[in-house]
Amino acid sequence: MAEHNKLGEKGEQLAIDFLIKNDYKILEKNYCYLKAEVDIIAQKEEVLAVVEVKTRSTDYFGNPEDFVNPKKIKLLLSAIDYYVIENDLDVEVRFDIIAIIHQKKETKIKHLKDAFLHF
């Protein structure tokens, strides 16, 4: 497995652990719909959090959250629309980014709630 794939998997597990520690219930991991893949779908109270995880080993080229582009956002929107209808959910939907910089000696996790409002 390529090193960046290992880092991505590690980041997703760190994000899941972070969400669970903060009272989220993990509903789905790597949920796929057409060409979209949603890293994590979690729920806390009446909020369905659609979480895109971005993990980097350095911020030299920018913050991890800066790598979520409009095309990815559009794919996530279509996937979660389908998910909510398919599961007949009556919840508030929020799109979050968990940005992780994972270096050998230190890991920084930033949870950006309603992250797509800024695009």
PDB file of N, CA and C in Angstrom:
ATOM      1  N   MET A   1       0.850  -1.177   0.000  1.00  0.00           N
ATOM      2  CA  MET A   1       0.000   0.000   0.000  1.00  0.00           C
ATOM      3  C   MET A   1       0.895   1.240   0.000  1.00  0.00           C
ATOM      4  N   ALA A   2       0.522   2.224  -0.795  1.00  0.00           N
ATOM      5  CA  ALA A   2       1.287   3.462  -0.869  1.00  0.00           C
ATOM      6  C   ALA A   2       1.271   4.180   0.479  1.00  0.00           C
ATOM      7  N   GLU A   3       2.349   4.874   0.748  1.00  0.00           N
ATOM      8  CA  GLU A   3       2.500   5.556   2.036  1.00  0.00           C
ATOM      9  C   GLU A   3       1.386   6.566   2.290  1.00  0.00           C
ATOM     10  N   HIS A   4       0.967   7.302   1.241  1.00  0.00           N
ATOM     11  CA  HIS A   4      -0.101   8.290   1.445  1.00  0.00           C
ATOM     12  C   HIS A   4      -1.436   7.620   1.757  1.00  0.00           C
ATOM     13  N   ASN A   5      -1.653   6.406   1.247  1.00  0.00           N
ATOM     14  CA  ASN A   5      -2.875   5.669   1.583  1.00  0.00           C
ATOM     15  C   ASN A   5      -2.859   5.234   3.050  1.00  0.00           C
ATOM     16  N   LYS A   6      -1.701   4.818   3.531  1.00  0.00           N
ATOM     17  CA  LYS A   6      -1.577   4.451   4.946  1.00  0.00           C
ATOM     18  C   LYS A   6      -1.849   5.663   5.829  1.00  0.00           C
ATOM     19  N   LEU A   7      -1.310   6.809   5.428  1.00  0.00           N
ATOM     20  CA  LEU A   7      -1.529   8.038   6.196  1.00  0.00           C
ATOM     21  C   LEU A   7      -3.008   8.405   6.200  1.00  0.00           C
ATOM     22  N   GLY A   8      -3.672   8.248   5.063  1.00  0.00           N
ATOM     23  CA  GLY A   8      -5.103   8.534   4.966  1.00  0.00           C
ATOM     24  C   GLY A   8      -5.924   7.633   5.866  1.00  0.00           C
ATOM     25  N   GLU A   9      -5.599   6.342   5.885  1.00  0.00           N
ATOM     26  CA  GLU A   9      -6.310   5.400   6.757  1.00  0.00           C
ATOM     27  C   GLU A   9      -6.072   5.733   8.224  1.00  0.00           C
ATOM     28  N   LYS A  10      -4.844   6.071   8.556  1.00  0.00           N
ATOM     29  CA  LYS A  10      -4.519   6.453   9.935  1.00  0.00           C
ATOM     30  C   LYS A  10      -5.310   7.699  10.333  1.00  0.00           C
ATOM     31  N   GLY A  11      -5.385   8.664   9.412  1.00  0.00           N
ATOM     32  CA  GLY A  11      -6.130   9.892   9.671  1.00  0.00           C
ATOM     33  C   GLY A  11      -7.607   9.625   9.894  1.00  0.00           C
ATOM     34  N   GLU A  12      -8.188   8.749   9.075  1.00  0.00           N
ATOM     35  CA  GLU A  12      -9.609   8.440   9.251  1.00  0.00           C
ATOM     36  C   GLU A  12      -9.857   7.778  10.598  1.00  0.00           C
ATOM     37  N   GLN A  13      -8.956   6.911  11.038  1.00  0.00           N
ATOM     38  CA  GLN A  13      -9.133   6.281  12.347  1.00  0.00           C
ATOM     39  C   GLN A  13      -8.977   7.303  13.464  1.00  0.00           C
ATOM     40  N   LEU A  14      -8.029   8.215  13.324  1.00  0.00           N
ATOM     41  CA  LEU A  14      -7.874   9.286  14.321  1.00  0.00           C
ATOM     42  C   LEU A  14      -9.138  10.146  14.381  1.00  0.00           C
ATOM     43  N   ALA A  15      -9.723  10.433  13.223  1.00  0.00           N
ATOM     44  CA  ALA A  15     -10.950  11.235  13.171  1.00  0.00           C
ATOM     45  C   ALA A  15     -12.111  10.502  13.834  1.00  0.00           C
ATOM     46  N   ILE A  16     -12.244   9.213  13.572  1.00  0.00           N
ATOM     47  CA  ILE A  16     -13.302   8.417  14.195  1.00  0.00           C
ATOM     48  C   ILE A  16     -13.137   8.421  15.713  1.00  0.00           C
ATOM     49  N   ASP A  17     -11.922   8.191  16.173  1.00  0.00           N
ATOM     50  CA  ASP A  17     -11.658   8.201  17.620  1.00  0.00           C
ATOM     51  C   ASP A  17     -11.998   9.563  18.223  1.00  0.00           C
ATOM     52  N   PHE A  18     -11.633  10.631  17.521  1.00  0.00           N
ATOM     53  CA  PHE A  18     -11.921  11.994  17.969  1.00  0.00           C
ATOM     54  C   PHE A  18     -13.432  12.216  18.068  1.00  0.00           C
ATOM     55  N   LEU A  19     -14.177  11.800  17.046  1.00  0.00           N
ATOM     56  CA  LEU A  19     -15.630  11.988  17.053  1.00  0.00           C
ATOM     57  C   LEU A  19     -16.294  11.196  18.172  1.00  0.00           C
ATOM     58  N   ILE A  20     -15.895   9.957  18.345  1.00  0.00           N
ATOM     59  CA  ILE A  20     -16.472   9.117  19.409  1.00  0.00           C
ATOM     60  C   ILE A  20     -16.203   9.757  20.777  1.00  0.00           C
ATOM     61  N   LYS A  21     -14.990  10.247  20.963  1.00  0.00           N
ATOM     62  CA  LYS A  21     -14.620  10.906  22.231  1.00  0.00           C
ATOM     63  C   LYS A  21     -15.481  12.148  22.476  1.00  0.00           C
ATOM     64  N   ASN A  22     -15.979  12.738  21.390  1.00  0.00           N
ATOM     65  CA  ASN A  22     -16.811  13.940  21.498  1.00  0.00           C
ATOM     66  C   ASN A  22     -18.302  13.630  21.326  1.00  0.00           C
ATOM     67  N   ASP A  23     -18.692  12.406  21.665  1.00  0.00           N
ATOM     68  CA  ASP A  23     -20.087  11.977  21.760  1.00  0.00           C
ATOM     69  C   ASP A  23     -20.825  11.859  20.421  1.00  0.00           C
ATOM     70  N   TYR A  24     -20.101  11.606  19.350  1.00  0.00           N
ATOM     71  CA  TYR A  24     -20.736  11.311  18.067  1.00  0.00           C
ATOM     72  C   TYR A  24     -20.896   9.805  17.933  1.00  0.00           C
ATOM     73  N   LYS A  25     -21.965   9.404  17.279  1.00  0.00           N
ATOM     74  CA  LYS A  25     -22.174   8.002  16.950  1.00  0.00           C
ATOM     75  C   LYS A  25     -21.802   7.834  15.473  1.00  0.00           C
ATOM     76  N   ILE A  26     -20.903   6.926  15.191  1.00  0.00           N
ATOM     77  CA  ILE A  26     -20.465   6.690  13.816  1.00  0.00           C
ATOM     78  C   ILE A  26     -21.507   5.801  13.121  1.00  0.00           C
ATOM     79  N   LEU A  27     -22.103   6.317  12.052  1.00  0.00           N
ATOM     80  CA  LEU A  27     -23.117   5.568  11.310  1.00  0.00           C
ATOM     81  C   LEU A  27     -22.527   4.851  10.099  1.00  0.00           C
ATOM     82  N   GLU A  28     -21.604   5.503   9.429  1.00  0.00           N
ATOM     83  CA  GLU A  28     -20.998   4.935   8.220  1.00  0.00           C
ATOM     84  C   GLU A  28     -19.542   5.383   8.119  1.00  0.00           C
ATOM     85  N   LYS A  29     -18.720   4.499   7.533  1.00  0.00           N
ATOM     86  CA  LYS A  29     -17.349   4.835   7.178  1.00  0.00           C
ATOM     87  C   LYS A  29     -17.190   4.525   5.698  1.00  0.00           C
ATOM     88  N   ASN A  30     -16.585   5.428   4.964  1.00  0.00           N
ATOM     89  CA  ASN A  30     -16.330   5.243   3.535  1.00  0.00           C
ATOM     90  C   ASN A  30     -17.603   4.876   2.772  1.00  0.00           C
ATOM     91  N   TYR A  31     -18.655   5.646   3.004  1.00  0.00           N
ATOM     92  CA  TYR A  31     -19.943   5.446   2.336  1.00  0.00           C
ATOM     93  C   TYR A  31     -19.828   5.901   0.881  1.00  0.00           C
ATOM     94  N   CYS A  32     -20.190   5.026  -0.037  1.00  0.00           N
ATOM     95  CA  CYS A  32     -20.074   5.322  -1.470  1.00  0.00           C
ATOM     96  C   CYS A  32     -21.438   5.461  -2.125  1.00  0.00           C
ATOM     97  N   TYR A  33     -21.539   6.452  -2.984  1.00  0.00           N
ATOM     98  CA  TYR A  33     -22.721   6.655  -3.817  1.00  0.00           C
ATOM     99  C   TYR A  33     -22.232   7.218  -5.147  1.00  0.00           C
ATOM    100  N   LEU A  34     -22.498   6.498  -6.211  1.00  0.00           N
ATOM    101  CA  LEU A  34     -22.011   6.850  -7.543  1.00  0.00           C
ATOM    102  C   LEU A  34     -20.501   7.114  -7.472  1.00  0.00           C
ATOM    103  N   LYS A  35     -20.055   8.331  -7.808  1.00  0.00           N
ATOM    104  CA  LYS A  35     -18.615   8.625  -7.798  1.00  0.00           C
ATOM    105  C   LYS A  35     -18.144   9.252  -6.490  1.00  0.00           C
ATOM    106  N   ALA A  36     -19.034   9.367  -5.536  1.00  0.00           N
ATOM    107  CA  ALA A  36     -18.698  10.032  -4.275  1.00  0.00           C
ATOM    108  C   ALA A  36     -18.344   9.013  -3.204  1.00  0.00           C
ATOM    109  N   GLU A  37     -17.401   9.399  -2.360  1.00  0.00           N
ATOM    110  CA  GLU A  37     -17.119   8.631  -1.156  1.00  0.00           C
ATOM    111  C   GLU A  37     -17.109   9.592   0.023  1.00  0.00           C
ATOM    112  N   VAL A  38     -17.965   9.304   0.988  1.00  0.00           N
ATOM    113  CA  VAL A  38     -18.035  10.104   2.208  1.00  0.00           C
ATOM    114  C   VAL A  38     -17.189   9.382   3.250  1.00  0.00           C
ATOM    115  N   ASP A  39     -16.200  10.078   3.784  1.00  0.00           N
ATOM    116  CA  ASP A  39     -15.292   9.437   4.738  1.00  0.00           C
ATOM    117  C   ASP A  39     -16.035   8.937   5.970  1.00  0.00           C
ATOM    118  N   ILE A  40     -16.815   9.825   6.590  1.00  0.00           N
ATOM    119  CA  ILE A  40     -17.527   9.455   7.825  1.00  0.00           C
ATOM    120  C   ILE A  40     -18.891  10.134   7.839  1.00  0.00           C
ATOM    121  N   ILE A  41     -19.904   9.369   8.208  1.00  0.00           N
ATOM    122  CA  ILE A  41     -21.216   9.924   8.510  1.00  0.00           C
ATOM    123  C   ILE A  41     -21.450   9.618   9.984  1.00  0.00           C
ATOM    124  N   ALA A  42     -21.651  10.667  10.757  1.00  0.00           N
ATOM    125  CA  ALA A  42     -21.810  10.518  12.204  1.00  0.00           C
ATOM    126  C   ALA A  42     -23.012  11.324  12.659  1.00  0.00           C
ATOM    127  N   GLN A  43     -23.524  10.962  13.821  1.00  0.00           N
ATOM    128  CA  GLN A  43     -24.665  11.686  14.362  1.00  0.00           C
ATOM    129  C   GLN A  43     -24.403  12.067  15.810  1.00  0.00           C
ATOM    130  N   LYS A  44     -24.779  13.305  16.108  1.00  0.00           N
ATOM    131  CA  LYS A  44     -24.742  13.784  17.488  1.00  0.00           C
ATOM    132  C   LYS A  44     -26.057  14.510  17.706  1.00  0.00           C
ATOM    133  N   GLU A  45     -26.855  13.956  18.588  1.00  0.00           N
ATOM    134  CA  GLU A  45     -28.205  14.451  18.834  1.00  0.00           C
ATOM    135  C   GLU A  45     -28.970  14.462  17.505  1.00  0.00           C
ATOM    136  N   GLU A  46     -29.504  15.592  17.101  1.00  0.00           N
ATOM    137  CA  GLU A  46     -30.304  15.648  15.867  1.00  0.00           C
ATOM    138  C   GLU A  46     -29.509  16.149  14.655  1.00  0.00           C
ATOM    139  N   VAL A  47     -28.192  16.118  14.760  1.00  0.00           N
ATOM    140  CA  VAL A  47     -27.344  16.601  13.666  1.00  0.00           C
ATOM    141  C   VAL A  47     -26.624  15.430  13.014  1.00  0.00           C
ATOM    142  N   LEU A  48     -26.774  15.336  11.703  1.00  0.00           N
ATOM    143  CA  LEU A  48     -26.035  14.360  10.919  1.00  0.00           C
ATOM    144  C   LEU A  48     -24.797  15.077  10.394  1.00  0.00           C
ATOM    145  N   ALA A  49     -23.641  14.647  10.848  1.00  0.00           N
ATOM    146  CA  ALA A  49     -22.383  15.274  10.438  1.00  0.00           C
ATOM    147  C   ALA A  49     -21.761  14.451   9.321  1.00  0.00           C
ATOM    148  N   VAL A  50     -21.595  15.097   8.187  1.00  0.00           N
ATOM    149  CA  VAL A  50     -20.927  14.493   7.038  1.00  0.00           C
ATOM    150  C   VAL A  50     -19.494  14.987   7.109  1.00  0.00           C
ATOM    151  N   VAL A  51     -18.561  14.068   7.327  1.00  0.00           N
ATOM    152  CA  VAL A  51     -17.200  14.470   7.659  1.00  0.00           C
ATOM    153  C   VAL A  51     -16.222  14.048   6.566  1.00  0.00           C
ATOM    154  N   GLU A  52     -15.539  15.027   6.017  1.00  0.00           N
ATOM    155  CA  GLU A  52     -14.433  14.797   5.096  1.00  0.00           C
ATOM    156  C   GLU A  52     -13.150  14.897   5.917  1.00  0.00           C
ATOM    157  N   VAL A  53     -12.330  13.865   5.836  1.00  0.00           N
ATOM    158  CA  VAL A  53     -11.082  13.828   6.600  1.00  0.00           C
ATOM    159  C   VAL A  53      -9.926  14.122   5.646  1.00  0.00           C
ATOM    160  N   LYS A  54      -9.114  15.077   6.011  1.00  0.00           N
ATOM    161  CA  LYS A  54      -7.924  15.404   5.232  1.00  0.00           C
ATOM    162  C   LYS A  54      -6.719  15.292   6.150  1.00  0.00           C
ATOM    163  N   THR A  55      -5.802  14.413   5.786  1.00  0.00           N
ATOM    164  CA  THR A  55      -4.629  14.152   6.600  1.00  0.00           C
ATOM    165  C   THR A  55      -3.376  14.452   5.796  1.00  0.00           C
ATOM    166  N   ARG A  56      -2.470  15.150   6.393  1.00  0.00           N
ATOM    167  CA  ARG A  56      -1.189  15.458   5.771  1.00  0.00           C
ATOM    168  C   ARG A  56      -0.088  15.223   6.794  1.00  0.00           C
ATOM    169  N   SER A  57       1.123  15.016   6.294  1.00  0.00           N
ATOM    170  CA  SER A  57       2.266  14.841   7.192  1.00  0.00           C
ATOM    171  C   SER A  57       2.939  16.176   7.495  1.00  0.00           C
ATOM    172  N   THR A  58       2.542  17.217   6.753  1.00  0.00           N
ATOM    173  CA  THR A  58       3.092  18.556   6.957  1.00  0.00           C
ATOM    174  C   THR A  58       2.101  19.582   6.422  1.00  0.00           C
ATOM    175  N   ASP A  59       2.239  20.799   6.897  1.00  0.00           N
ATOM    176  CA  ASP A  59       1.416  21.871   6.340  1.00  0.00           C
ATOM    177  C   ASP A  59       2.231  22.744   5.379  1.00  0.00           C
ATOM    178  N   TYR A  60       3.349  22.235   4.931  1.00  0.00           N
ATOM    179  CA  TYR A  60       4.244  22.975   4.052  1.00  0.00           C
ATOM    180  C   TYR A  60       3.536  23.485   2.798  1.00  0.00           C
ATOM    181  N   PHE A  61       2.647  22.659   2.227  1.00  0.00           N
ATOM    182  CA  PHE A  61       1.936  23.033   1.000  1.00  0.00           C
ATOM    183  C   PHE A  61       0.558  23.636   1.281  1.00  0.00           C
ATOM    184  N   GLY A  62       0.225  23.845   2.533  1.00  0.00           N
ATOM    185  CA  GLY A  62      -1.064  24.419   2.917  1.00  0.00           C
ATOM    186  C   GLY A  62      -1.731  23.561   3.971  1.00  0.00           C
ATOM    187  N   ASN A  63      -2.799  24.094   4.534  1.00  0.00           N
ATOM    188  CA  ASN A  63      -3.557  23.362   5.543  1.00  0.00           C
ATOM    189  C   ASN A  63      -4.316  22.224   4.888  1.00  0.00           C
ATOM    190  N   PRO A  64      -4.499  21.114   5.578  1.00  0.00           N
ATOM    191  CA  PRO A  64      -5.206  19.977   4.986  1.00  0.00           C
ATOM    192  C   PRO A  64      -6.593  20.347   4.454  1.00  0.00           C
ATOM    193  N   GLU A  65      -7.310  21.203   5.178  1.00  0.00           N
ATOM    194  CA  GLU A  65      -8.677  21.548   4.771  1.00  0.00           C
ATOM    195  C   GLU A  65      -8.713  22.322   3.456  1.00  0.00           C
ATOM    196  N   ASP A  66      -7.586  22.914   3.066  1.00  0.00           N
ATOM    197  CA  ASP A  66      -7.535  23.665   1.816  1.00  0.00           C
ATOM    198  C   ASP A  66      -7.621  22.761   0.582  1.00  0.00           C
ATOM    199  N   PHE A  67      -7.521  21.457   0.778  1.00  0.00           N
ATOM    200  CA  PHE A  67      -7.513  20.523  -0.337  1.00  0.00           C
ATOM    201  C   PHE A  67      -8.889  19.918  -0.629  1.00  0.00           C
ATOM    202  N   VAL A  68      -9.934  20.461  -0.019  1.00  0.00           N
ATOM    203  CA  VAL A  68     -11.306  20.069  -0.355  1.00  0.00           C
ATOM    204  C   VAL A  68     -11.775  21.043  -1.426  1.00  0.00           C
ATOM    205  N   ASN A  69     -12.002  20.525  -2.632  1.00  0.00           N
ATOM    206  CA  ASN A  69     -12.335  21.406  -3.749  1.00  0.00           C
ATOM    207  C   ASN A  69     -13.833  21.396  -4.060  1.00  0.00           C
ATOM    208  N   PRO A  70     -14.296  22.330  -4.870  1.00  0.00           N
ATOM    209  CA  PRO A  70     -15.734  22.411  -5.196  1.00  0.00           C
ATOM    210  C   PRO A  70     -16.294  21.132  -5.819  1.00  0.00           C
ATOM    211  N   LYS A  71     -15.508  20.429  -6.613  1.00  0.00           N
ATOM    212  CA  LYS A  71     -15.978  19.169  -7.210  1.00  0.00           C
ATOM    213  C   LYS A  71     -16.270  18.138  -6.119  1.00  0.00           C
ATOM    214  N   LYS A  72     -15.375  18.045  -5.130  1.00  0.00           N
ATOM    215  CA  LYS A  72     -15.568  17.117  -4.017  1.00  0.00           C
ATOM    216  C   LYS A  72     -16.822  17.494  -3.219  1.00  0.00           C
ATOM    217  N   ILE A  73     -17.018  18.779  -2.999  1.00  0.00           N
ATOM    218  CA  ILE A  73     -18.185  19.241  -2.260  1.00  0.00           C
ATOM    219  C   ILE A  73     -19.467  18.845  -2.991  1.00  0.00           C
ATOM    220  N   LYS A  74     -19.488  19.027  -4.295  1.00  0.00           N
ATOM    221  CA  LYS A  74     -20.664  18.668  -5.087  1.00  0.00           C
ATOM    222  C   LYS A  74     -20.958  17.168  -4.992  1.00  0.00           C
ATOM    223  N   LEU A  75     -19.921  16.349  -5.044  1.00  0.00           N
ATOM    224  CA  LEU A  75     -20.099  14.897  -4.920  1.00  0.00           C
ATOM    225  C   LEU A  75     -20.643  14.533  -3.539  1.00  0.00           C
ATOM    226  N   LEU A  76     -20.114  15.170  -2.508  1.00  0.00           N
ATOM    227  CA  LEU A  76     -20.582  14.894  -1.145  1.00  0.00           C
ATOM    228  C   LEU A  76     -22.047  15.291  -0.964  1.00  0.00           C
ATOM    229  N   LEU A  77     -22.429  16.422  -1.531  1.00  0.00           N
ATOM    230  CA  LEU A  77     -23.821  16.869  -1.444  1.00  0.00           C
ATOM    231  C   LEU A  77     -24.769  15.855  -2.078  1.00  0.00           C
ATOM    232  N   SER A  78     -24.418  15.357  -3.253  1.00  0.00           N
ATOM    233  CA  SER A  78     -25.301  14.383  -3.916  1.00  0.00           C
ATOM    234  C   SER A  78     -25.358  13.077  -3.130  1.00  0.00           C
ATOM    235  N   ALA A  79     -24.234  12.647  -2.599  1.00  0.00           N
ATOM    236  CA  ALA A  79     -24.203  11.394  -1.839  1.00  0.00           C
ATOM    237  C   ALA A  79     -25.053  11.491  -0.584  1.00  0.00           C
ATOM    238  N   ILE A  80     -24.951  12.600   0.121  1.00  0.00           N
ATOM    239  CA  ILE A  80     -25.682  12.699   1.387  1.00  0.00           C
ATOM    240  C   ILE A  80     -27.166  12.937   1.148  1.00  0.00           C
ATOM    241  N   ASP A  81     -27.516  13.609   0.050  1.00  0.00           N
ATOM    242  CA  ASP A  81     -28.934  13.732  -0.316  1.00  0.00           C
ATOM    243  C   ASP A  81     -29.535  12.349  -0.485  1.00  0.00           C
ATOM    244  N   TYR A  82     -28.831  11.503  -1.208  1.00  0.00           N
ATOM    245  CA  TYR A  82     -29.305  10.133  -1.425  1.00  0.00           C
ATOM    246  C   TYR A  82     -29.395   9.377  -0.089  1.00  0.00           C
ATOM    247  N   TYR A  83     -28.362   9.504   0.735  1.00  0.00           N
ATOM    248  CA  TYR A  83     -28.310   8.795   2.013  1.00  0.00           C
ATOM    249  C   TYR A  83     -29.487   9.177   2.907  1.00  0.00           C
ATOM    250  N   VAL A  84     -29.775  10.458   3.017  1.00  0.00           N
ATOM    251  CA  VAL A  84     -30.864  10.937   3.877  1.00  0.00           C
ATOM    252  C   VAL A  84     -32.208  10.427   3.374  1.00  0.00           C
ATOM    253  N   ILE A  85     -32.427  10.483   2.059  1.00  0.00           N
ATOM    254  CA  ILE A  85     -33.693  10.002   1.492  1.00  0.00           C
ATOM    255  C   ILE A  85     -33.806   8.488   1.642  1.00  0.00           C
ATOM    256  N   GLU A  86     -32.746   7.772   1.312  1.00  0.00           N
ATOM    257  CA  GLU A  86     -32.741   6.306   1.381  1.00  0.00           C
ATOM    258  C   GLU A  86     -33.020   5.801   2.797  1.00  0.00           C
ATOM    259  N   ASN A  87     -32.517   6.521   3.789  1.00  0.00           N
ATOM    260  CA  ASN A  87     -32.687   6.101   5.182  1.00  0.00           C
ATOM    261  C   ASN A  87     -33.831   6.818   5.886  1.00  0.00           C
ATOM    262  N   ASP A  88     -34.596   7.611   5.140  1.00  0.00           N
ATOM    263  CA  ASP A  88     -35.767   8.315   5.657  1.00  0.00           C
ATOM    264  C   ASP A  88     -35.444   9.061   6.960  1.00  0.00           C
ATOM    265  N   LEU A  89     -34.393   9.870   6.902  1.00  0.00           N
ATOM    266  CA  LEU A  89     -33.936  10.593   8.083  1.00  0.00           C
ATOM    267  C   LEU A  89     -34.550  11.983   8.154  1.00  0.00           C
ATOM    268  N   ASP A  90     -34.843  12.406   9.361  1.00  0.00           N
ATOM    269  CA  ASP A  90     -35.336  13.751   9.603  1.00  0.00           C
ATOM    270  C   ASP A  90     -34.350  14.416  10.559  1.00  0.00           C
ATOM    271  N   VAL A  91     -33.238  14.886   9.994  1.00  0.00           N
ATOM    272  CA  VAL A  91     -32.169  15.465  10.793  1.00  0.00           C
ATOM    273  C   VAL A  91     -31.622  16.711  10.103  1.00  0.00           C
ATOM    274  N   GLU A  92     -30.950  17.527  10.883  1.00  0.00           N
ATOM    275  CA  GLU A  92     -30.181  18.634  10.314  1.00  0.00           C
ATOM    276  C   GLU A  92     -28.888  18.036   9.770  1.00  0.00           C
ATOM    277  N   VAL A  93     -28.497  18.416   8.564  1.00  0.00           N
ATOM    278  CA  VAL A  93     -27.264  17.916   7.967  1.00  0.00           C
ATOM    279  C   VAL A  93     -26.214  19.017   8.012  1.00  0.00           C
ATOM    280  N   ARG A  94     -25.031  18.635   8.458  1.00  0.00           N
ATOM    281  CA  ARG A  94     -23.927  19.578   8.555  1.00  0.00           C
ATOM    282  C   ARG A  94     -22.692  18.945   7.903  1.00  0.00           C
ATOM    283  N   PHE A  95     -21.962  19.736   7.159  1.00  0.00           N
ATOM    284  CA  PHE A  95     -20.753  19.246   6.494  1.00  0.00           C
ATOM    285  C   PHE A  95     -19.529  19.764   7.230  1.00  0.00           C
ATOM    286  N   ASP A  96     -18.730  18.830   7.730  1.00  0.00           N
ATOM    287  CA  ASP A  96     -17.547  19.157   8.516  1.00  0.00           C
ATOM    288  C   ASP A  96     -16.285  18.665   7.809  1.00  0.00           C
ATOM    289  N   ILE A  97     -15.187  19.254   8.188  1.00  0.00           N
ATOM    290  CA  ILE A  97     -13.881  18.746   7.783  1.00  0.00           C
ATOM    291  C   ILE A  97     -13.095  18.499   9.057  1.00  0.00           C
ATOM    292  N   ILE A  98     -12.466  17.344   9.117  1.00  0.00           N
ATOM    293  CA  ILE A  98     -11.492  17.106  10.173  1.00  0.00           C
ATOM    294  C   ILE A  98     -10.130  17.130   9.485  1.00  0.00           C
ATOM    295  N   ALA A  99      -9.348  18.138   9.839  1.00  0.00           N
ATOM    296  CA  ALA A  99      -8.026  18.341   9.259  1.00  0.00           C
ATOM    297  C   ALA A  99      -6.982  17.835  10.245  1.00  0.00           C
ATOM    298  N   ILE A 100      -6.126  16.954   9.751  1.00  0.00           N
ATOM    299  CA  ILE A 100      -5.133  16.327  10.621  1.00  0.00           C
ATOM    300  C   ILE A 100      -3.743  16.522  10.036  1.00  0.00           C
ATOM    301  N   ILE A 101      -2.827  16.959  10.859  1.00  0.00           N
ATOM    302  CA  ILE A 101      -1.416  16.940  10.501  1.00  0.00           C
ATOM    303  C   ILE A 101      -0.775  15.925  11.435  1.00  0.00           C
ATOM    304  N   HIS A 102      -0.339  14.821  10.834  1.00  0.00           N
ATOM    305  CA  HIS A 102       0.181  13.688  11.611  1.00  0.00           C
ATOM    306  C   HIS A 102       1.662  13.521  11.302  1.00  0.00           C
ATOM    307  N   GLN A 103       2.464  13.948  12.250  1.00  0.00           N
ATOM    308  CA  GLN A 103       3.908  13.780  12.126  1.00  0.00           C
ATOM    309  C   GLN A 103       4.349  12.725  13.117  1.00  0.00           C
ATOM    310  N   LYS A 104       5.569  12.315  13.035  1.00  0.00           N
ATOM    311  CA  LYS A 104       6.053  11.226  13.893  1.00  0.00           C
ATOM    312  C   LYS A 104       5.849  11.497  15.385  1.00  0.00           C
ATOM    313  N   LYS A 105       6.138  12.725  15.815  1.00  0.00           N
ATOM    314  CA  LYS A 105       6.091  13.020  17.252  1.00  0.00           C
ATOM    315  C   LYS A 105       4.854  13.792  17.686  1.00  0.00           C
ATOM    316  N   GLU A 106       4.070  14.280  16.728  1.00  0.00           N
ATOM    317  CA  GLU A 106       2.943  15.132  17.099  1.00  0.00           C
ATOM    318  C   GLU A 106       1.801  14.981  16.101  1.00  0.00           C
ATOM    319  N   THR A 107       0.584  15.010  16.623  1.00  0.00           N
ATOM    320  CA  THR A 107      -0.612  14.980  15.784  1.00  0.00           C
ATOM    321  C   THR A 107      -1.503  16.147  16.180  1.00  0.00           C
ATOM    322  N   LYS A 108      -1.896  16.926  15.171  1.00  0.00           N
ATOM    323  CA  LYS A 108      -2.814  18.050  15.401  1.00  0.00           C
ATOM    324  C   LYS A 108      -4.121  17.736  14.683  1.00  0.00           C
ATOM    325  N   ILE A 109      -5.225  17.846  15.408  1.00  0.00           N
ATOM    326  CA  ILE A 109      -6.547  17.593  14.846  1.00  0.00           C
ATOM    327  C   ILE A 109      -7.375  18.868  14.979  1.00  0.00           C
ATOM    328  N   LYS A 110      -7.939  19.293  13.855  1.00  0.00           N
ATOM    329  CA  LYS A 110      -8.801  20.478  13.840  1.00  0.00           C
ATOM    330  C   LYS A 110     -10.152  20.063  13.267  1.00  0.00           C
ATOM    331  N   HIS A 111     -11.234  20.312  14.020  1.00  0.00           N
ATOM    332  CA  HIS A 111     -12.591  19.973  13.587  1.00  0.00           C
ATOM    333  C   HIS A 111     -13.279  21.257  13.133  1.00  0.00           C
ATOM    334  N   LEU A 112     -13.504  21.354  11.838  1.00  0.00           N
ATOM    335  CA  LEU A 112     -14.153  22.529  11.265  1.00  0.00           C
ATOM    336  C   LEU A 112     -15.613  22.189  11.003  1.00  0.00           C
ATOM    337  N   LYS A 113     -16.499  22.708  11.833  1.00  0.00           N
ATOM    338  CA  LYS A 113     -17.931  22.458  11.681  1.00  0.00           C
ATOM    339  C   LYS A 113     -18.501  23.413  10.646  1.00  0.00           C
ATOM    340  N   ASP A 114     -19.506  22.933   9.888  1.00  0.00           N
ATOM    341  CA  ASP A 114     -20.108  23.736   8.809  1.00  0.00           C
ATOM    342  C   ASP A 114     -19.029  24.283   7.877  1.00  0.00           C
ATOM    343  N   ALA A 115     -18.086  23.454   7.538  1.00  0.00           N
ATOM    344  CA  ALA A 115     -16.916  23.884   6.781  1.00  0.00           C
ATOM    345  C   ALA A 115     -17.244  24.382   5.386  1.00  0.00           C
ATOM    346  N   PHE A 116     -18.314  23.883   4.779  1.00  0.00           N
ATOM    347  CA  PHE A 116     -18.606  24.245   3.399  1.00  0.00           C
ATOM    348  C   PHE A 116     -19.286  25.600   3.279  1.00  0.00           C
ATOM    349  N   LEU A 117     -19.654  26.198   4.380  1.00  0.00           N
ATOM    350  CA  LEU A 117     -20.248  27.533   4.327  1.00  0.00           C
ATOM    351  C   LEU A 117     -19.248  28.564   3.835  1.00  0.00           C
ATOM    352  N   HIS A 118     -17.965  28.216   3.928  1.00  0.00           N
ATOM    353  CA  HIS A 118     -16.901  29.154   3.581  1.00  0.00           C
ATOM    354  C   HIS A 118     -16.478  29.052   2.128  1.00  0.00           C
ATOM    355  N   PHE A 119     -17.076  28.131   1.371  1.00  0.00           N
ATOM    356  CA  PHE A 119     -16.710  27.960  -0.051  1.00  0.00           C
ATOM    357  C   PHE A 119     -17.617  28.779  -0.944  1.00  0.00           C
TER     358      PHE A 119
END
